[in-house]
Amino acid sequence: MRSSTYRFTEWTLSAVPGAEIRYYGKCLECFAQSTDAEVPDEAQLWCLKHAGLSRCTRYEVHAFQHFDARPTDSPAAVRPN
């Protein structure tokens, strides 16, 4: 018989230093998407250009940021500012 021990750990998310919020446009009809950009205007412009070329009419603009997940009891979980 084998016994197991489970350890429950709390986790924390920290934004990756220097990783800014990024944006991309996505067509909801043909599912094409732009490359990610630093400003939402570039993602929106891609949507308009794609509409002109494809005649697709439904879009989303997504914003995202990269994070690290670490156990809260880990010394690296809390980053100094």
Protein backbone atom coordinates (compact mmCIF):
# COMPACT_ATOMS: atom_id res chain seq x y z
CA MET A 1 0.00 0.00 0.00
CA ARG A 2 1.29 3.39 -0.92
CA SER A 3 0.52 6.54 1.05
CA SER A 4 0.51 10.07 -0.32
CA THR A 5 0.89 13.44 1.28
CA TYR A 6 -0.82 16.45 -0.21
CA ARG A 7 0.44 19.95 0.34
CA PHE A 8 -1.93 22.80 -0.34
CA THR A 9 -0.21 25.99 -1.30
CA GLU A 10 -1.42 29.53 -1.80
CA TRP A 11 -0.16 31.23 -4.94
CA THR A 12 0.38 34.83 -5.92
CA LEU A 13 0.62 36.54 -9.30
CA SER A 14 3.18 39.25 -10.02
CA ALA A 15 3.42 41.24 -13.20
CA VAL A 16 6.62 40.44 -15.07
CA PRO A 17 8.92 43.47 -14.63
CA GLY A 18 9.09 45.51 -17.80
CA ALA A 19 6.21 43.61 -19.43
CA GLU A 20 3.70 46.24 -20.45
CA ILE A 21 0.07 45.64 -21.37
CA ARG A 22 -0.19 44.51 -25.02
CA TYR A 23 -3.15 44.59 -27.43
CA TYR A 24 -4.30 42.60 -30.45
CA GLY A 25 -7.34 42.64 -32.73
CA LYS A 26 -9.28 39.51 -33.60
CA CYS A 27 -11.87 38.94 -36.32
CA LEU A 28 -14.91 37.10 -34.97
CA GLU A 29 -15.94 35.92 -38.42
CA CYS A 30 -12.79 34.37 -39.94
CA PHE A 31 -10.74 34.29 -36.68
CA ALA A 32 -7.73 36.10 -38.19
CA GLN A 33 -5.84 38.20 -35.66
CA SER A 34 -3.25 40.93 -35.62
CA THR A 35 0.17 40.73 -34.06
CA ASP A 36 0.27 42.25 -30.61
CA ALA A 37 0.95 45.97 -30.28
CA GLU A 38 1.91 48.46 -27.58
CA VAL A 39 -1.21 50.63 -28.00
CA PRO A 40 -4.86 49.73 -28.62
CA ASP A 41 -5.04 52.08 -31.62
CA GLU A 42 -2.76 49.75 -33.61
CA ALA A 43 -5.00 46.76 -32.89
CA GLN A 44 -8.10 48.77 -33.84
CA LEU A 45 -6.44 49.96 -37.05
CA TRP A 46 -5.72 46.32 -37.96
CA CYS A 47 -9.45 45.58 -37.50
CA LEU A 48 -10.38 48.40 -39.87
CA LYS A 49 -7.82 47.33 -42.49
CA HIS A 50 -8.99 43.73 -42.23
CA ALA A 51 -12.61 44.86 -42.64
CA GLY A 52 -11.69 46.74 -45.80
CA LEU A 53 -9.90 43.73 -47.28
CA SER A 54 -12.22 40.94 -46.14
CA ARG A 55 -15.60 42.62 -45.60
CA CYS A 56 -15.76 40.94 -42.17
CA THR A 57 -17.69 43.13 -39.72
CA ARG A 58 -17.30 41.71 -36.18
CA TYR A 59 -14.13 42.24 -34.10
CA GLU A 60 -12.66 42.17 -30.61
CA VAL A 61 -9.61 43.96 -29.24
CA HIS A 62 -7.89 42.08 -26.42
CA ALA A 63 -5.51 43.45 -23.81
CA PHE A 64 -3.10 41.17 -21.97
CA GLN A 65 -0.15 41.28 -19.63
CA HIS A 66 2.38 38.62 -18.65
CA PHE A 67 2.48 37.39 -15.04
CA ASP A 68 4.55 34.98 -12.98
CA ALA A 69 2.84 32.62 -10.52
CA ARG A 70 4.73 31.63 -7.39
CA PRO A 71 3.83 29.98 -4.10
CA THR A 72 3.33 32.68 -1.45
CA ASP A 73 5.73 30.88 0.92
CA SER A 74 8.49 31.07 -1.70
CA PRO A 75 11.15 33.76 -1.10
CA ALA A 76 10.85 34.76 -4.77
CA ALA A 77 7.07 35.26 -4.48
CA VAL A 78 7.45 38.80 -3.22
CA ARG A 79 9.50 40.97 -5.50
CA PRO A 80 11.18 44.09 -4.16
CA ASN A 81 10.18 47.32 -5.90
